[in-house]
């Protein structure tokens, strides 16, 4: 996410439990990567300029 980006986390009661909603102002993920977003330690983007591993 570029500098100045924002992450919004909210929760709401739903079906006897809690739903957590996470949104951000980043560029988004490719449609084929969406199914992997909830996997622990999974990075959906490969950027050769990043200095940190996912």
PDB file of N, CA and C in Angstrom:
ATOM      1  N   UNK A   1       0.848  -1.164   0.000  1.00  0.00           N
ATOM      2  CA  UNK A   1       0.000   0.000   0.000  1.00  0.00           C
ATOM      3  C   UNK A   1       0.897   1.232   0.000  1.00  0.00           C
ATOM      4  N   UNK A   2       0.572   2.216  -0.798  1.00  0.00           N
ATOM      5  CA  UNK A   2       1.390   3.422  -0.819  1.00  0.00           C
ATOM      6  C   UNK A   2       1.295   4.210   0.483  1.00  0.00           C
ATOM      7  N   UNK A   3       2.289   5.068   0.732  1.00  0.00           N
ATOM      8  CA  UNK A   3       2.235   5.939   1.900  1.00  0.00           C
ATOM      9  C   UNK A   3       0.922   6.696   1.903  1.00  0.00           C
ATOM     10  N   UNK A   4       0.361   6.889   3.100  1.00  0.00           N
ATOM     11  CA  UNK A   4      -0.905   7.595   3.235  1.00  0.00           C
ATOM     12  C   UNK A   4      -2.102   6.696   3.061  1.00  0.00           C
ATOM     13  N   UNK A   5      -1.871   5.406   2.797  1.00  0.00           N
ATOM     14  CA  UNK A   5      -2.977   4.461   2.651  1.00  0.00           C
ATOM     15  C   UNK A   5      -3.682   4.240   3.978  1.00  0.00           C
ATOM     16  N   UNK A   6      -4.832   3.626   3.911  1.00  0.00           N
ATOM     17  CA  UNK A   6      -5.647   3.440   5.103  1.00  0.00           C
ATOM     18  C   UNK A   6      -6.184   2.014   5.146  1.00  0.00           C
ATOM     19  N   UNK A   7      -6.208   1.430   6.362  1.00  0.00           N
ATOM     20  CA  UNK A   7      -6.823   0.135   6.599  1.00  0.00           C
ATOM     21  C   UNK A   7      -7.968   0.367   7.573  1.00  0.00           C
ATOM     22  N   UNK A   8      -9.155  -0.123   7.234  1.00  0.00           N
ATOM     23  CA  UNK A   8     -10.330   0.036   8.081  1.00  0.00           C
ATOM     24  C   UNK A   8     -10.774  -1.345   8.539  1.00  0.00           C
ATOM     25  N   UNK A   9     -10.865  -1.531   9.854  1.00  0.00           N
ATOM     26  CA  UNK A   9     -11.303  -2.805  10.428  1.00  0.00           C
ATOM     27  C   UNK A   9     -12.555  -2.527  11.236  1.00  0.00           C
ATOM     28  N   UNK A  10     -13.621  -3.283  10.956  1.00  0.00           N
ATOM     29  CA  UNK A  10     -14.859  -3.119  11.705  1.00  0.00           C
ATOM     30  C   UNK A  10     -15.433  -4.491  12.019  1.00  0.00           C
ATOM     31  N   UNK A  11     -16.301  -4.534  12.996  1.00  0.00           N
ATOM     32  CA  UNK A  11     -16.969  -5.782  13.370  1.00  0.00           C
ATOM     33  C   UNK A  11     -18.460  -5.518  13.508  1.00  0.00           C
ATOM     34  N   UNK A  12     -19.239  -6.568  13.331  1.00  0.00           N
ATOM     35  CA  UNK A  12     -20.675  -6.470  13.537  1.00  0.00           C
ATOM     36  C   UNK A  12     -21.214  -7.827  13.958  1.00  0.00           C
ATOM     37  N   UNK A  13     -22.262  -7.792  14.762  1.00  0.00           N
ATOM     38  CA  UNK A  13     -22.906  -9.029  15.190  1.00  0.00           C
ATOM     39  C   UNK A  13     -23.612  -9.651  13.992  1.00  0.00           C
ATOM     40  N   UNK A  14     -23.454 -10.968  13.823  1.00  0.00           N
ATOM     41  CA  UNK A  14     -24.084 -11.647  12.699  1.00  0.00           C
ATOM     42  C   UNK A  14     -24.276 -13.122  13.013  1.00  0.00           C
ATOM     43  N   UNK A  15     -25.496 -13.608  12.865  1.00  0.00           N
ATOM     44  CA  UNK A  15     -25.808 -15.038  12.999  1.00  0.00           C
ATOM     45  C   UNK A  15     -25.253 -15.664  14.277  1.00  0.00           C
ATOM     46  N   UNK A  16     -25.430 -15.003  15.393  1.00  0.00           N
ATOM     47  CA  UNK A  16     -24.972 -15.549  16.663  1.00  0.00           C
ATOM     48  C   UNK A  16     -23.472 -15.480  16.855  1.00  0.00           C
ATOM     49  N   UNK A  17     -22.777 -14.739  16.034  1.00  0.00           N
ATOM     50  CA  UNK A  17     -21.333 -14.601  16.133  1.00  0.00           C
ATOM     51  C   UNK A  17     -20.924 -13.187  15.767  1.00  0.00           C
ATOM     52  N   UNK A  18     -19.721 -13.049  15.309  1.00  0.00           N
ATOM     53  CA  UNK A  18     -19.199 -11.742  14.939  1.00  0.00           C
ATOM     54  C   UNK A  18     -18.581 -11.838  13.548  1.00  0.00           C
ATOM     55  N   UNK A  19     -18.849 -10.859  12.724  1.00  0.00           N
ATOM     56  CA  UNK A  19     -18.227 -10.750  11.415  1.00  0.00           C
ATOM     57  C   UNK A  19     -17.193  -9.641  11.480  1.00  0.00           C
ATOM     58  N   UNK A  20     -15.986  -9.922  11.014  1.00  0.00           N
ATOM     59  CA  UNK A  20     -14.932  -8.915  10.948  1.00  0.00           C
ATOM     60  C   UNK A  20     -14.763  -8.507   9.498  1.00  0.00           C
ATOM     61  N   UNK A  21     -14.743  -7.211   9.258  1.00  0.00           N
ATOM     62  CA  UNK A  21     -14.627  -6.669   7.912  1.00  0.00           C
ATOM     63  C   UNK A  21     -13.327  -5.866   7.840  1.00  0.00           C
ATOM     64  N   UNK A  22     -12.491  -6.174   6.866  1.00  0.00           N
ATOM     65  CA  UNK A  22     -11.233  -5.463   6.671  1.00  0.00           C
ATOM     66  C   UNK A  22     -11.257  -4.864   5.267  1.00  0.00           C
ATOM     67  N   UNK A  23     -11.006  -3.571   5.186  1.00  0.00           N
ATOM     68  CA  UNK A  23     -10.952  -2.882   3.900  1.00  0.00           C
ATOM     69  C   UNK A  23      -9.710  -1.997   3.893  1.00  0.00           C
ATOM     70  N   UNK A  24      -9.179  -1.733   2.712  1.00  0.00           N
ATOM     71  CA  UNK A  24      -8.035  -0.834   2.626  1.00  0.00           C
ATOM     72  C   UNK A  24      -8.092  -0.036   1.337  1.00  0.00           C
ATOM     73  N   UNK A  25      -7.205   0.937   1.231  1.00  0.00           N
ATOM     74  CA  UNK A  25      -7.170   1.798   0.057  1.00  0.00           C
ATOM     75  C   UNK A  25      -6.049   1.412  -0.899  1.00  0.00           C
ATOM     76  N   UNK A  26      -5.573   0.176  -0.776  1.00  0.00           N
ATOM     77  CA  UNK A  26      -4.531  -0.312  -1.676  1.00  0.00           C
ATOM     78  C   UNK A  26      -5.081  -0.551  -3.068  1.00  0.00           C
ATOM     79  N   UNK A  27      -4.241  -1.057  -3.951  1.00  0.00           N
ATOM     80  CA  UNK A  27      -4.624  -1.236  -5.350  1.00  0.00           C
ATOM     81  C   UNK A  27      -5.523  -2.439  -5.575  1.00  0.00           C
ATOM     82  N   UNK A  28      -5.627  -3.315  -4.594  1.00  0.00           N
ATOM     83  CA  UNK A  28      -6.492  -4.482  -4.741  1.00  0.00           C
ATOM     84  C   UNK A  28      -5.710  -5.711  -5.159  1.00  0.00           C
ATOM     85  N   UNK A  29      -6.402  -6.830  -5.181  1.00  0.00           N
ATOM     86  CA  UNK A  29      -5.797  -8.108  -5.547  1.00  0.00           C
ATOM     87  C   UNK A  29      -6.448  -8.615  -6.824  1.00  0.00           C
ATOM     88  N   UNK A  30      -5.699  -9.378  -7.564  1.00  0.00           N
ATOM     89  CA  UNK A  30      -6.236  -9.975  -8.787  1.00  0.00           C
ATOM     90  C   UNK A  30      -7.349 -10.958  -8.421  1.00  0.00           C
ATOM     91  N   UNK A  31      -8.376 -11.092  -9.245  1.00  0.00           N
ATOM     92  CA  UNK A  31      -9.492 -11.995  -8.923  1.00  0.00           C
ATOM     93  C   UNK A  31      -9.046 -13.424  -8.602  1.00  0.00           C
ATOM     94  N   UNK A  32      -8.030 -13.941  -9.292  1.00  0.00           N
ATOM     95  CA  UNK A  32      -7.584 -15.315  -9.036  1.00  0.00           C
ATOM     96  C   UNK A  32      -6.885 -15.454  -7.679  1.00  0.00           C
ATOM     97  N   UNK A  33      -6.495 -14.351  -7.050  1.00  0.00           N
ATOM     98  CA  UNK A  33      -5.823 -14.401  -5.751  1.00  0.00           C
ATOM     99  C   UNK A  33      -6.804 -14.317  -4.584  1.00  0.00           C
ATOM    100  N   UNK A  34      -8.053 -13.953  -4.830  1.00  0.00           N
ATOM    101  CA  UNK A  34      -9.009 -13.726  -3.747  1.00  0.00           C
ATOM    102  C   UNK A  34      -9.219 -14.953  -2.863  1.00  0.00           C
ATOM    103  N   UNK A  35      -9.192 -16.144  -3.426  1.00  0.00           N
ATOM    104  CA  UNK A  35      -9.419 -17.347  -2.625  1.00  0.00           C
ATOM    105  C   UNK A  35      -8.284 -17.622  -1.645  1.00  0.00           C
ATOM    106  N   UNK A  36      -7.132 -16.984  -1.813  1.00  0.00           N
ATOM    107  CA  UNK A  36      -5.984 -17.214  -0.941  1.00  0.00           C
ATOM    108  C   UNK A  36      -5.825 -16.147   0.148  1.00  0.00           C
ATOM    109  N   UNK A  37      -6.661 -15.119   0.134  1.00  0.00           N
ATOM    110  CA  UNK A  37      -6.475 -13.997   1.049  1.00  0.00           C
ATOM    111  C   UNK A  37      -6.573 -14.368   2.522  1.00  0.00           C
ATOM    112  N   UNK A  38      -7.301 -15.405   2.863  1.00  0.00           N
ATOM    113  CA  UNK A  38      -7.450 -15.775   4.277  1.00  0.00           C
ATOM    114  C   UNK A  38      -6.450 -16.846   4.724  1.00  0.00           C
ATOM    115  N   UNK A  39      -5.564 -17.274   3.847  1.00  0.00           N
ATOM    116  CA  UNK A  39      -4.541 -18.247   4.236  1.00  0.00           C
ATOM    117  C   UNK A  39      -3.454 -17.543   5.046  1.00  0.00           C
ATOM    118  N   UNK A  40      -3.068 -18.132   6.196  1.00  0.00           N
ATOM    119  CA  UNK A  40      -2.019 -17.489   6.995  1.00  0.00           C
ATOM    120  C   UNK A  40      -0.714 -17.357   6.209  1.00  0.00           C
ATOM    121  N   UNK A  41      -0.063 -16.234   6.347  1.00  0.00           N
ATOM    122  CA  UNK A  41       1.259 -15.976   5.775  1.00  0.00           C
ATOM    123  C   UNK A  41       1.291 -16.030   4.252  1.00  0.00           C
ATOM    124  N   UNK A  42       0.170 -15.819   3.621  1.00  0.00           N
ATOM    125  CA  UNK A  42       0.103 -15.856   2.157  1.00  0.00           C
ATOM    126  C   UNK A  42       0.179 -14.430   1.620  1.00  0.00           C
ATOM    127  N   UNK A  43       1.061 -14.198   0.677  1.00  0.00           N
ATOM    128  CA  UNK A  43       1.154 -12.903   0.001  1.00  0.00           C
ATOM    129  C   UNK A  43       0.623 -13.108  -1.410  1.00  0.00           C
ATOM    130  N   UNK A  44      -0.345 -12.295  -1.809  1.00  0.00           N
ATOM    131  CA  UNK A  44      -0.949 -12.489  -3.128  1.00  0.00           C
ATOM    132  C   UNK A  44      -0.237 -11.705  -4.212  1.00  0.00           C
ATOM    133  N   UNK A  45       0.726 -10.909  -3.835  1.00  0.00           N
ATOM    134  CA  UNK A  45       1.464 -10.116  -4.814  1.00  0.00           C
ATOM    135  C   UNK A  45       2.943 -10.451  -4.702  1.00  0.00           C
ATOM    136  N   UNK A  46       3.604 -10.544  -5.815  1.00  0.00           N
ATOM    137  CA  UNK A  46       5.043 -10.744  -5.814  1.00  0.00           C
ATOM    138  C   UNK A  46       5.694  -9.472  -6.344  1.00  0.00           C
ATOM    139  N   UNK A  47       6.396  -8.754  -5.486  1.00  0.00           N
ATOM    140  CA  UNK A  47       7.024  -7.505  -5.876  1.00  0.00           C
ATOM    141  C   UNK A  47       8.535  -7.636  -5.657  1.00  0.00           C
ATOM    142  N   UNK A  48       9.336  -7.613  -6.702  1.00  0.00           N
ATOM    143  CA  UNK A  48      10.778  -7.818  -6.542  1.00  0.00           C
ATOM    144  C   UNK A  48      11.476  -6.684  -5.788  1.00  0.00           C
ATOM    145  N   UNK A  49      10.795  -5.576  -5.547  1.00  0.00           N
ATOM    146  CA  UNK A  49      11.399  -4.444  -4.870  1.00  0.00           C
ATOM    147  C   UNK A  49      11.147  -4.440  -3.362  1.00  0.00           C
ATOM    148  N   UNK A  50      10.376  -5.397  -2.861  1.00  0.00           N
ATOM    149  CA  UNK A  50      10.121  -5.490  -1.426  1.00  0.00           C
ATOM    150  C   UNK A  50      11.361  -6.034  -0.719  1.00  0.00           C
ATOM    151  N   UNK A  51      11.622  -5.498   0.451  1.00  0.00           N
ATOM    152  CA  UNK A  51      12.772  -5.975   1.216  1.00  0.00           C
ATOM    153  C   UNK A  51      12.351  -6.961   2.304  1.00  0.00           C
ATOM    154  N   UNK A  52      11.067  -7.092   2.566  1.00  0.00           N
ATOM    155  CA  UNK A  52      10.561  -7.994   3.590  1.00  0.00           C
ATOM    156  C   UNK A  52       9.904  -9.209   2.921  1.00  0.00           C
ATOM    157  N   UNK A  53      10.074 -10.375   3.534  1.00  0.00           N
ATOM    158  CA  UNK A  53       9.392 -11.552   3.018  1.00  0.00           C
ATOM    159  C   UNK A  53       8.017 -11.650   3.668  1.00  0.00           C
ATOM    160  N   UNK A  54       7.114 -12.345   3.013  1.00  0.00           N
ATOM    161  CA  UNK A  54       5.734 -12.475   3.515  1.00  0.00           C
ATOM    162  C   UNK A  54       5.556 -13.682   4.367  1.00  0.00           C
TER     163      UNK A  54
END
